[in-house]
Amino acid sequence: MKLRNVRLFTIRLVVDVADHRSVSLAGVKNNIVQPGVTKQICNLEALLGFELFERSESKRRITGVTDRGKPVVEHFRRVLDTIEELEEGEIDEPVE
């Protein structure tokens, strides 16, 4: 599985969908229409080889994060937290 080409934008979408349990709300937050969010998520799930999100029977609503998706979402959350720390200058410089 090659995740090196996954964009930061996609990582942000995954975390927002998990937090809001809504593709539409994640789209609004990131200024992208719902079909675009769905495509990003589906492409990532195809790359991973498993679904990140539990969906309703009609496949129209996100109902939660799958067991296999939970560690992915948590890793993505840490990536975003680290980037935020870097942007805010909260990362200590290495000690020599």
PDB file of N, CA and C in Angstrom:
ATOM      1  N   MET A   1       0.853  -1.169   0.000  1.00  0.00           N
ATOM      2  CA  MET A   1       0.000   0.000   0.000  1.00  0.00           C
ATOM      3  C   MET A   1       0.898   1.231   0.000  1.00  0.00           C
ATOM      4  N   LYS A   2       0.671   2.127  -0.949  1.00  0.00           N
ATOM      5  CA  LYS A   2       1.503   3.314  -1.072  1.00  0.00           C
ATOM      6  C   LYS A   2       0.695   4.553  -0.714  1.00  0.00           C
ATOM      7  N   LEU A   3       0.967   5.040   0.473  1.00  0.00           N
ATOM      8  CA  LEU A   3       0.238   6.224   0.944  1.00  0.00           C
ATOM      9  C   LEU A   3       1.026   7.510   0.733  1.00  0.00           C
ATOM     10  N   ARG A   4       2.230   7.400   0.206  1.00  0.00           N
ATOM     11  CA  ARG A   4       3.051   8.602   0.076  1.00  0.00           C
ATOM     12  C   ARG A   4       2.436   9.644  -0.850  1.00  0.00           C
ATOM     13  N   ASN A   5       1.524   9.219  -1.721  1.00  0.00           N
ATOM     14  CA  ASN A   5       0.897  10.159  -2.639  1.00  0.00           C
ATOM     15  C   ASN A   5      -0.444  10.691  -2.142  1.00  0.00           C
ATOM     16  N   VAL A   6      -0.831  10.294  -0.930  1.00  0.00           N
ATOM     17  CA  VAL A   6      -2.078  10.802  -0.364  1.00  0.00           C
ATOM     18  C   VAL A   6      -1.867  12.262   0.022  1.00  0.00           C
ATOM     19  N   ARG A   7      -2.741  13.106  -0.465  1.00  0.00           N
ATOM     20  CA  ARG A   7      -2.613  14.542  -0.218  1.00  0.00           C
ATOM     21  C   ARG A   7      -3.078  14.901   1.192  1.00  0.00           C
ATOM     22  N   LEU A   8      -2.488  15.938   1.722  1.00  0.00           N
ATOM     23  CA  LEU A   8      -2.880  16.450   3.037  1.00  0.00           C
ATOM     24  C   LEU A   8      -4.363  16.802   3.044  1.00  0.00           C
ATOM     25  N   PHE A   9      -4.854  17.298   1.933  1.00  0.00           N
ATOM     26  CA  PHE A   9      -6.272  17.643   1.817  1.00  0.00           C
ATOM     27  C   PHE A   9      -7.154  16.420   2.059  1.00  0.00           C
ATOM     28  N   THR A  10      -6.773  15.285   1.500  1.00  0.00           N
ATOM     29  CA  THR A  10      -7.531  14.049   1.686  1.00  0.00           C
ATOM     30  C   THR A  10      -7.479  13.606   3.139  1.00  0.00           C
ATOM     31  N   ILE A  11      -6.323  13.731   3.760  1.00  0.00           N
ATOM     32  CA  ILE A  11      -6.178  13.386   5.172  1.00  0.00           C
ATOM     33  C   ILE A  11      -7.131  14.240   6.011  1.00  0.00           C
ATOM     34  N   ARG A  12      -7.175  15.519   5.700  1.00  0.00           N
ATOM     35  CA  ARG A  12      -8.067  16.432   6.427  1.00  0.00           C
ATOM     36  C   ARG A  12      -9.531  16.031   6.220  1.00  0.00           C
ATOM     37  N   LEU A  13      -9.891  15.665   4.994  1.00  0.00           N
ATOM     38  CA  LEU A  13     -11.270  15.239   4.718  1.00  0.00           C
ATOM     39  C   LEU A  13     -11.645  14.006   5.529  1.00  0.00           C
ATOM     40  N   VAL A  14     -10.748  13.029   5.583  1.00  0.00           N
ATOM     41  CA  VAL A  14     -11.017  11.795   6.327  1.00  0.00           C
ATOM     42  C   VAL A  14     -11.284  12.115   7.797  1.00  0.00           C
ATOM     43  N   VAL A  15     -10.442  12.935   8.395  1.00  0.00           N
ATOM     44  CA  VAL A  15     -10.618  13.282   9.809  1.00  0.00           C
ATOM     45  C   VAL A  15     -11.923  14.054  10.015  1.00  0.00           C
ATOM     46  N   ASP A  16     -12.237  14.958   9.108  1.00  0.00           N
ATOM     47  CA  ASP A  16     -13.473  15.731   9.250  1.00  0.00           C
ATOM     48  C   ASP A  16     -14.712  14.853   9.071  1.00  0.00           C
ATOM     49  N   VAL A  17     -14.683  13.926   8.124  1.00  0.00           N
ATOM     50  CA  VAL A  17     -15.816  13.007   7.958  1.00  0.00           C
ATOM     51  C   VAL A  17     -15.981  12.175   9.234  1.00  0.00           C
ATOM     52  N   ALA A  18     -14.871  11.700   9.783  1.00  0.00           N
ATOM     53  CA  ALA A  18     -14.940  10.909  11.020  1.00  0.00           C
ATOM     54  C   ALA A  18     -15.496  11.741  12.170  1.00  0.00           C
ATOM     55  N   ASP A  19     -15.056  12.978  12.284  1.00  0.00           N
ATOM     56  CA  ASP A  19     -15.501  13.831  13.391  1.00  0.00           C
ATOM     57  C   ASP A  19     -16.978  14.210  13.279  1.00  0.00           C
ATOM     58  N   HIS A  20     -17.424  14.506  12.071  1.00  0.00           N
ATOM     59  CA  HIS A  20     -18.793  14.997  11.867  1.00  0.00           C
ATOM     60  C   HIS A  20     -19.772  13.899  11.464  1.00  0.00           C
ATOM     61  N   ARG A  21     -19.226  12.716  11.100  1.00  0.00           N
ATOM     62  CA  ARG A  21     -20.055  11.636  10.550  1.00  0.00           C
ATOM     63  C   ARG A  21     -20.932  12.149   9.428  1.00  0.00           C
ATOM     64  N   SER A  22     -20.330  13.028   8.639  1.00  0.00           N
ATOM     65  CA  SER A  22     -21.084  13.640   7.542  1.00  0.00           C
ATOM     66  C   SER A  22     -20.128  14.040   6.427  1.00  0.00           C
ATOM     67  N   VAL A  23     -20.390  13.502   5.252  1.00  0.00           N
ATOM     68  CA  VAL A  23     -19.616  13.888   4.077  1.00  0.00           C
ATOM     69  C   VAL A  23     -19.938  15.332   3.718  1.00  0.00           C
ATOM     70  N   SER A  24     -21.197  15.705   3.814  1.00  0.00           N
ATOM     71  CA  SER A  24     -21.617  17.070   3.464  1.00  0.00           C
ATOM     72  C   SER A  24     -20.959  18.115   4.356  1.00  0.00           C
ATOM     73  N   LEU A  25     -20.963  17.889   5.676  1.00  0.00           N
ATOM     74  CA  LEU A  25     -20.346  18.851   6.597  1.00  0.00           C
ATOM     75  C   LEU A  25     -18.836  18.937   6.389  1.00  0.00           C
ATOM     76  N   ALA A  26     -18.203  17.804   6.130  1.00  0.00           N
ATOM     77  CA  ALA A  26     -16.770  17.822   5.837  1.00  0.00           C
ATOM     78  C   ALA A  26     -16.508  18.622   4.578  1.00  0.00           C
ATOM     79  N   GLY A  27     -17.392  18.496   3.599  1.00  0.00           N
ATOM     80  CA  GLY A  27     -17.252  19.259   2.365  1.00  0.00           C
ATOM     81  C   GLY A  27     -17.381  20.754   2.600  1.00  0.00           C
ATOM     82  N   VAL A  28     -18.379  21.142   3.368  1.00  0.00           N
ATOM     83  CA  VAL A  28     -18.574  22.565   3.675  1.00  0.00           C
ATOM     84  C   VAL A  28     -17.342  23.119   4.384  1.00  0.00           C
ATOM     85  N   LYS A  29     -16.850  22.380   5.363  1.00  0.00           N
ATOM     86  CA  LYS A  29     -15.686  22.835   6.128  1.00  0.00           C
ATOM     87  C   LYS A  29     -14.455  23.017   5.247  1.00  0.00           C
ATOM     88  N   ASN A  30     -14.349  22.204   4.187  1.00  0.00           N
ATOM     89  CA  ASN A  30     -13.165  22.230   3.337  1.00  0.00           C
ATOM     90  C   ASN A  30     -13.417  22.823   1.950  1.00  0.00           C
ATOM     91  N   ASN A  31     -14.569  23.474   1.794  1.00  0.00           N
ATOM     92  CA  ASN A  31     -14.914  24.141   0.539  1.00  0.00           C
ATOM     93  C   ASN A  31     -14.865  23.210  -0.670  1.00  0.00           C
ATOM     94  N   ILE A  32     -15.485  22.050  -0.529  1.00  0.00           N
ATOM     95  CA  ILE A  32     -15.574  21.088  -1.620  1.00  0.00           C
ATOM     96  C   ILE A  32     -16.972  20.490  -1.590  1.00  0.00           C
ATOM     97  N   VAL A  33     -17.542  20.235  -2.750  1.00  0.00           N
ATOM     98  CA  VAL A  33     -18.894  19.684  -2.813  1.00  0.00           C
ATOM     99  C   VAL A  33     -18.878  18.222  -2.381  1.00  0.00           C
ATOM    100  N   GLN A  34     -20.034  17.745  -1.927  1.00  0.00           N
ATOM    101  CA  GLN A  34     -20.161  16.396  -1.389  1.00  0.00           C
ATOM    102  C   GLN A  34     -19.656  15.314  -2.341  1.00  0.00           C
ATOM    103  N   PRO A  35     -19.974  15.372  -3.647  1.00  0.00           N
ATOM    104  CA  PRO A  35     -19.456  14.316  -4.529  1.00  0.00           C
ATOM    105  C   PRO A  35     -17.925  14.284  -4.577  1.00  0.00           C
ATOM    106  N   GLY A  36     -17.299  15.427  -4.420  1.00  0.00           N
ATOM    107  CA  GLY A  36     -15.837  15.479  -4.390  1.00  0.00           C
ATOM    108  C   GLY A  36     -15.269  14.804  -3.151  1.00  0.00           C
ATOM    109  N   VAL A  37     -15.929  15.015  -2.017  1.00  0.00           N
ATOM    110  CA  VAL A  37     -15.502  14.364  -0.774  1.00  0.00           C
ATOM    111  C   VAL A  37     -15.664  12.856  -0.921  1.00  0.00           C
ATOM    112  N   THR A  38     -16.812  12.441  -1.428  1.00  0.00           N
ATOM    113  CA  THR A  38     -17.078  11.017  -1.605  1.00  0.00           C
ATOM    114  C   THR A  38     -16.029  10.378  -2.505  1.00  0.00           C
ATOM    115  N   LYS A  39     -15.673  11.060  -3.581  1.00  0.00           N
ATOM    116  CA  LYS A  39     -14.666  10.518  -4.505  1.00  0.00           C
ATOM    117  C   LYS A  39     -13.311  10.381  -3.816  1.00  0.00           C
ATOM    118  N   GLN A  40     -12.921  11.381  -3.044  1.00  0.00           N
ATOM    119  CA  GLN A  40     -11.645  11.326  -2.331  1.00  0.00           C
ATOM    120  C   GLN A  40     -11.624  10.146  -1.361  1.00  0.00           C
ATOM    121  N   ILE A  41     -12.712   9.974  -0.624  1.00  0.00           N
ATOM    122  CA  ILE A  41     -12.798   8.883   0.357  1.00  0.00           C
ATOM    123  C   ILE A  41     -12.767   7.534  -0.359  1.00  0.00           C
ATOM    124  N   CYS A  42     -13.563   7.393  -1.398  1.00  0.00           N
ATOM    125  CA  CYS A  42     -13.612   6.121  -2.141  1.00  0.00           C
ATOM    126  C   CYS A  42     -12.263   5.783  -2.764  1.00  0.00           C
ATOM    127  N   ASN A  43     -11.571   6.777  -3.304  1.00  0.00           N
ATOM    128  CA  ASN A  43     -10.244   6.542  -3.883  1.00  0.00           C
ATOM    129  C   ASN A  43      -9.259   6.067  -2.814  1.00  0.00           C
ATOM    130  N   LEU A  44      -9.308   6.684  -1.635  1.00  0.00           N
ATOM    131  CA  LEU A  44      -8.422   6.274  -0.554  1.00  0.00           C
ATOM    132  C   LEU A  44      -8.767   4.857  -0.080  1.00  0.00           C
ATOM    133  N   GLU A  45     -10.055   4.568   0.048  1.00  0.00           N
ATOM    134  CA  GLU A  45     -10.461   3.227   0.456  1.00  0.00           C
ATOM    135  C   GLU A  45     -10.000   2.179  -0.559  1.00  0.00           C
ATOM    136  N   ALA A  46     -10.051   2.511  -1.840  1.00  0.00           N
ATOM    137  CA  ALA A  46      -9.572   1.581  -2.875  1.00  0.00           C
ATOM    138  C   ALA A  46      -8.070   1.362  -2.732  1.00  0.00           C
ATOM    139  N   LEU A  47      -7.338   2.428  -2.438  1.00  0.00           N
ATOM    140  CA  LEU A  47      -5.895   2.323  -2.243  1.00  0.00           C
ATOM    141  C   LEU A  47      -5.568   1.467  -1.022  1.00  0.00           C
ATOM    142  N   LEU A  48      -6.322   1.655   0.053  1.00  0.00           N
ATOM    143  CA  LEU A  48      -6.102   0.901   1.284  1.00  0.00           C
ATOM    144  C   LEU A  48      -6.573  -0.541   1.168  1.00  0.00           C
ATOM    145  N   GLY A  49      -7.600  -0.751   0.375  1.00  0.00           N
ATOM    146  CA  GLY A  49      -8.153  -2.093   0.232  1.00  0.00           C
ATOM    147  C   GLY A  49      -9.217  -2.432   1.263  1.00  0.00           C
ATOM    148  N   PHE A  50      -9.717  -1.432   1.967  1.00  0.00           N
ATOM    149  CA  PHE A  50     -10.801  -1.637   2.928  1.00  0.00           C
ATOM    150  C   PHE A  50     -11.536  -0.322   3.143  1.00  0.00           C
ATOM    151  N   GLU A  51     -12.759  -0.439   3.679  1.00  0.00           N
ATOM    152  CA  GLU A  51     -13.563   0.750   3.938  1.00  0.00           C
ATOM    153  C   GLU A  51     -13.159   1.397   5.252  1.00  0.00           C
ATOM    154  N   LEU A  52     -13.090   2.703   5.244  1.00  0.00           N
ATOM    155  CA  LEU A  52     -12.780   3.465   6.453  1.00  0.00           C
ATOM    156  C   LEU A  52     -14.038   3.722   7.272  1.00  0.00           C
ATOM    157  N   PHE A  53     -15.154   3.860   6.582  1.00  0.00           N
ATOM    158  CA  PHE A  53     -16.383   4.299   7.242  1.00  0.00           C
ATOM    159  C   PHE A  53     -17.505   3.284   7.107  1.00  0.00           C
ATOM    160  N   GLU A  54     -18.269   3.168   8.188  1.00  0.00           N
ATOM    161  CA  GLU A  54     -19.498   2.392   8.161  1.00  0.00           C
ATOM    162  C   GLU A  54     -20.559   3.271   7.530  1.00  0.00           C
ATOM    163  N   ARG A  55     -21.368   2.660   6.688  1.00  0.00           N
ATOM    164  CA  ARG A  55     -22.406   3.402   5.992  1.00  0.00           C
ATOM    165  C   ARG A  55     -23.763   2.766   6.268  1.00  0.00           C
ATOM    166  N   SER A  56     -24.800   3.580   6.158  1.00  0.00           N
ATOM    167  CA  SER A  56     -26.158   3.053   6.320  1.00  0.00           C
ATOM    168  C   SER A  56     -26.445   2.060   5.196  1.00  0.00           C
ATOM    169  N   GLU A  57     -27.521   1.309   5.352  1.00  0.00           N
ATOM    170  CA  GLU A  57     -27.868   0.309   4.339  1.00  0.00           C
ATOM    171  C   GLU A  57     -28.019   0.921   2.957  1.00  0.00           C
ATOM    172  N   SER A  58     -28.512   2.125   2.898  1.00  0.00           N
ATOM    173  CA  SER A  58     -28.689   2.792   1.607  1.00  0.00           C
ATOM    174  C   SER A  58     -27.384   3.391   1.095  1.00  0.00           C
ATOM    175  N   LYS A  59     -26.328   3.311   1.909  1.00  0.00           N
ATOM    176  CA  LYS A  59     -24.999   3.855   1.569  1.00  0.00           C
ATOM    177  C   LYS A  59     -25.003   5.377   1.456  1.00  0.00           C
ATOM    178  N   ARG A  60     -26.042   6.014   1.983  1.00  0.00           N
ATOM    179  CA  ARG A  60     -26.152   7.465   1.854  1.00  0.00           C
ATOM    180  C   ARG A  60     -25.629   8.218   3.059  1.00  0.00           C
ATOM    181  N   ARG A  61     -25.448   7.528   4.191  1.00  0.00           N
ATOM    182  CA  ARG A  61     -25.011   8.219   5.404  1.00  0.00           C
ATOM    183  C   ARG A  61     -23.847   7.482   6.034  1.00  0.00           C
ATOM    184  N   ILE A  62     -22.914   8.257   6.569  1.00  0.00           N
ATOM    185  CA  ILE A  62     -21.811   7.701   7.349  1.00  0.00           C
ATOM    186  C   ILE A  62     -22.343   7.463   8.754  1.00  0.00           C
ATOM    187  N   THR A  63     -22.190   6.253   9.258  1.00  0.00           N
ATOM    188  CA  THR A  63     -22.695   5.957  10.604  1.00  0.00           C
ATOM    189  C   THR A  63     -21.573   5.775  11.618  1.00  0.00           C
ATOM    190  N   GLY A  64     -20.341   5.736  11.154  1.00  0.00           N
ATOM    191  CA  GLY A  64     -19.216   5.589  12.063  1.00  0.00           C
ATOM    192  C   GLY A  64     -17.960   5.206  11.302  1.00  0.00           C
ATOM    193  N   VAL A  65     -16.914   4.933  12.049  1.00  0.00           N
ATOM    194  CA  VAL A  65     -15.630   4.517  11.484  1.00  0.00           C
ATOM    195  C   VAL A  65     -15.516   3.009  11.689  1.00  0.00           C
ATOM    196  N   THR A  66     -15.060   2.304  10.665  1.00  0.00           N
ATOM    197  CA  THR A  66     -14.894   0.860  10.785  1.00  0.00           C
ATOM    198  C   THR A  66     -13.746   0.550  11.746  1.00  0.00           C
ATOM    199  N   ASP A  67     -13.704  -0.693  12.228  1.00  0.00           N
ATOM    200  CA  ASP A  67     -12.606  -1.093  13.111  1.00  0.00           C
ATOM    201  C   ASP A  67     -11.260  -0.935  12.415  1.00  0.00           C
ATOM    202  N   ARG A  68     -11.187  -1.274  11.145  1.00  0.00           N
ATOM    203  CA  ARG A  68      -9.931  -1.118  10.400  1.00  0.00           C
ATOM    204  C   ARG A  68      -9.633   0.349  10.108  1.00  0.00           C
ATOM    205  N   GLY A  69     -10.679   1.168  10.048  1.00  0.00           N
ATOM    206  CA  GLY A  69     -10.492   2.588   9.762  1.00  0.00           C
ATOM    207  C   GLY A  69     -10.048   3.407  10.961  1.00  0.00           C
ATOM    208  N   LYS A  70     -10.365   2.929  12.183  1.00  0.00           N
ATOM    209  CA  LYS A  70     -10.041   3.705  13.389  1.00  0.00           C
ATOM    210  C   LYS A  70      -8.559   4.030  13.521  1.00  0.00           C
ATOM    211  N   PRO A  71      -7.635   3.065  13.351  1.00  0.00           N
ATOM    212  CA  PRO A  71      -6.221   3.441  13.463  1.00  0.00           C
ATOM    213  C   PRO A  71      -5.769   4.382  12.359  1.00  0.00           C
ATOM    214  N   VAL A  72      -6.362   4.243  11.181  1.00  0.00           N
ATOM    215  CA  VAL A  72      -6.004   5.147  10.079  1.00  0.00           C
ATOM    216  C   VAL A  72      -6.411   6.574  10.436  1.00  0.00           C
ATOM    217  N   VAL A  73      -7.642   6.737  10.905  1.00  0.00           N
ATOM    218  CA  VAL A  73      -8.123   8.067  11.289  1.00  0.00           C
ATOM    219  C   VAL A  73      -7.246   8.649  12.398  1.00  0.00           C
ATOM    220  N   GLU A  74      -6.873   7.845  13.371  1.00  0.00           N
ATOM    221  CA  GLU A  74      -6.033   8.344  14.468  1.00  0.00           C
ATOM    222  C   GLU A  74      -4.640   8.743  13.971  1.00  0.00           C
ATOM    223  N   HIS A  75      -4.067   7.966  13.078  1.00  0.00           N
ATOM    224  CA  HIS A  75      -2.767   8.340  12.500  1.00  0.00           C
ATOM    225  C   HIS A  75      -2.898   9.644  11.712  1.00  0.00           C
ATOM    226  N   PHE A  76      -3.962   9.758  10.922  1.00  0.00           N
ATOM    227  CA  PHE A  76      -4.184  10.980  10.155  1.00  0.00           C
ATOM    228  C   PHE A  76      -4.381  12.170  11.093  1.00  0.00           C
ATOM    229  N   ARG A  77      -5.064  11.960  12.196  1.00  0.00           N
ATOM    230  CA  ARG A  77      -5.269  13.042  13.169  1.00  0.00           C
ATOM    231  C   ARG A  77      -3.915  13.517  13.736  1.00  0.00           C
ATOM    232  N   ARG A  78      -3.021  12.554  14.012  1.00  0.00           N
ATOM    233  CA  ARG A  78      -1.689  12.915  14.521  1.00  0.00           C
ATOM    234  C   ARG A  78      -0.880  13.679  13.478  1.00  0.00           C
ATOM    235  N   VAL A  79      -1.026  13.294  12.216  1.00  0.00           N
ATOM    236  CA  VAL A  79      -0.351  14.030  11.142  1.00  0.00           C
ATOM    237  C   VAL A  79      -0.810  15.484  11.149  1.00  0.00           C
ATOM    238  N   LEU A  80      -2.124  15.696  11.217  1.00  0.00           N
ATOM    239  CA  LEU A  80      -2.657  17.062  11.229  1.00  0.00           C
ATOM    240  C   LEU A  80      -2.226  17.822  12.477  1.00  0.00           C
ATOM    241  N   ASP A  81      -2.206  17.161  13.626  1.00  0.00           N
ATOM    242  CA  ASP A  81      -1.750  17.801  14.865  1.00  0.00           C
ATOM    243  C   ASP A  81      -0.293  18.225  14.753  1.00  0.00           C
ATOM    244  N   THR A  82       0.535  17.373  14.174  1.00  0.00           N
ATOM    245  CA  THR A  82       1.957  17.688  14.018  1.00  0.00           C
ATOM    246  C   THR A  82       2.143  18.878  13.081  1.00  0.00           C
ATOM    247  N   ILE A  83       1.404  18.907  12.006  1.00  0.00           N
ATOM    248  CA  ILE A  83       1.502  20.036  11.077  1.00  0.00           C
ATOM    249  C   ILE A  83       1.074  21.324  11.767  1.00  0.00           C
ATOM    250  N   GLU A  84       0.007  21.249  12.559  1.00  0.00           N
ATOM    251  CA  GLU A  84      -0.446  22.432  13.290  1.00  0.00           C
ATOM    252  C   GLU A  84       0.629  22.915  14.270  1.00  0.00           C
ATOM    253  N   GLU A  85       1.277  21.976  14.952  1.00  0.00           N
ATOM    254  CA  GLU A  85       2.360  22.339  15.874  1.00  0.00           C
ATOM    255  C   GLU A  85       3.509  23.006  15.127  1.00  0.00           C
ATOM    256  N   LEU A  86       3.841  22.484  13.965  1.00  0.00           N
ATOM    257  CA  LEU A  86       4.910  23.086  13.160  1.00  0.00           C
ATOM    258  C   LEU A  86       4.539  24.502  12.735  1.00  0.00           C
ATOM    259  N   GLU A  87       3.290  24.678  12.314  1.00  0.00           N
ATOM    260  CA  GLU A  87       2.830  26.000  11.873  1.00  0.00           C
ATOM    261  C   GLU A  87       2.849  27.002  13.016  1.00  0.00           C
ATOM    262  N   GLU A  88       2.603  26.525  14.227  1.00  0.00           N
ATOM    263  CA  GLU A  88       2.558  27.417  15.380  1.00  0.00           C
ATOM    264  C   GLU A  88       3.907  27.524  16.085  1.00  0.00           C
ATOM    265  N   GLY A  89       4.917  26.859  15.532  1.00  0.00           N
ATOM    266  CA  GLY A  89       6.246  26.924  16.110  1.00  0.00           C
ATOM    267  C   GLY A  89       6.386  26.205  17.431  1.00  0.00           C
ATOM    268  N   GLU A  90       5.553  25.178  17.655  1.00  0.00           N
ATOM    269  CA  GLU A  90       5.562  24.468  18.932  1.00  0.00           C
ATOM    270  C   GLU A  90       6.502  23.272  18.939  1.00  0.00           C
ATOM    271  N   ILE A  91       7.176  23.000  17.862  1.00  0.00           N
ATOM    272  CA  ILE A  91       8.116  21.885  17.826  1.00  0.00           C
ATOM    273  C   ILE A  91       9.468  22.383  18.300  1.00  0.00           C
ATOM    274  N   ASP A  92      10.009  21.714  19.303  1.00  0.00           N
ATOM    275  CA  ASP A  92      11.314  22.102  19.823  1.00  0.00           C
ATOM    276  C   ASP A  92      12.402  21.798  18.803  1.00  0.00           C
ATOM    277  N   GLU A  93      13.420  22.657  18.815  1.00  0.00           N
ATOM    278  CA  GLU A  93      14.550  22.399  17.928  1.00  0.00           C
ATOM    279  C   GLU A  93      15.369  21.267  18.514  1.00  0.00           C
ATOM    280  N   PRO A  94      15.991  20.465  17.638  1.00  0.00           N
ATOM    281  CA  PRO A  94      16.771  19.323  18.136  1.00  0.00           C
ATOM    282  C   PRO A  94      17.945  19.771  18.991  1.00  0.00           C
ATOM    283  N   VAL A  95      18.231  18.983  20.003  1.00  0.00           N
ATOM    284  CA  VAL A  95      19.361  19.246  20.875  1.00  0.00           C
ATOM    285  C   VAL A  95      20.558  18.505  20.316  1.00  0.00           C
ATOM    286  N   GLU A  96      21.666  19.199  20.208  1.00  0.00           N
ATOM    287  CA  GLU A  96      22.874  18.545  19.663  1.00  0.00           C
ATOM    288  C   GLU A  96      23.773  18.075  20.764  1.00  0.00           C
TER     289      GLU A  96
END
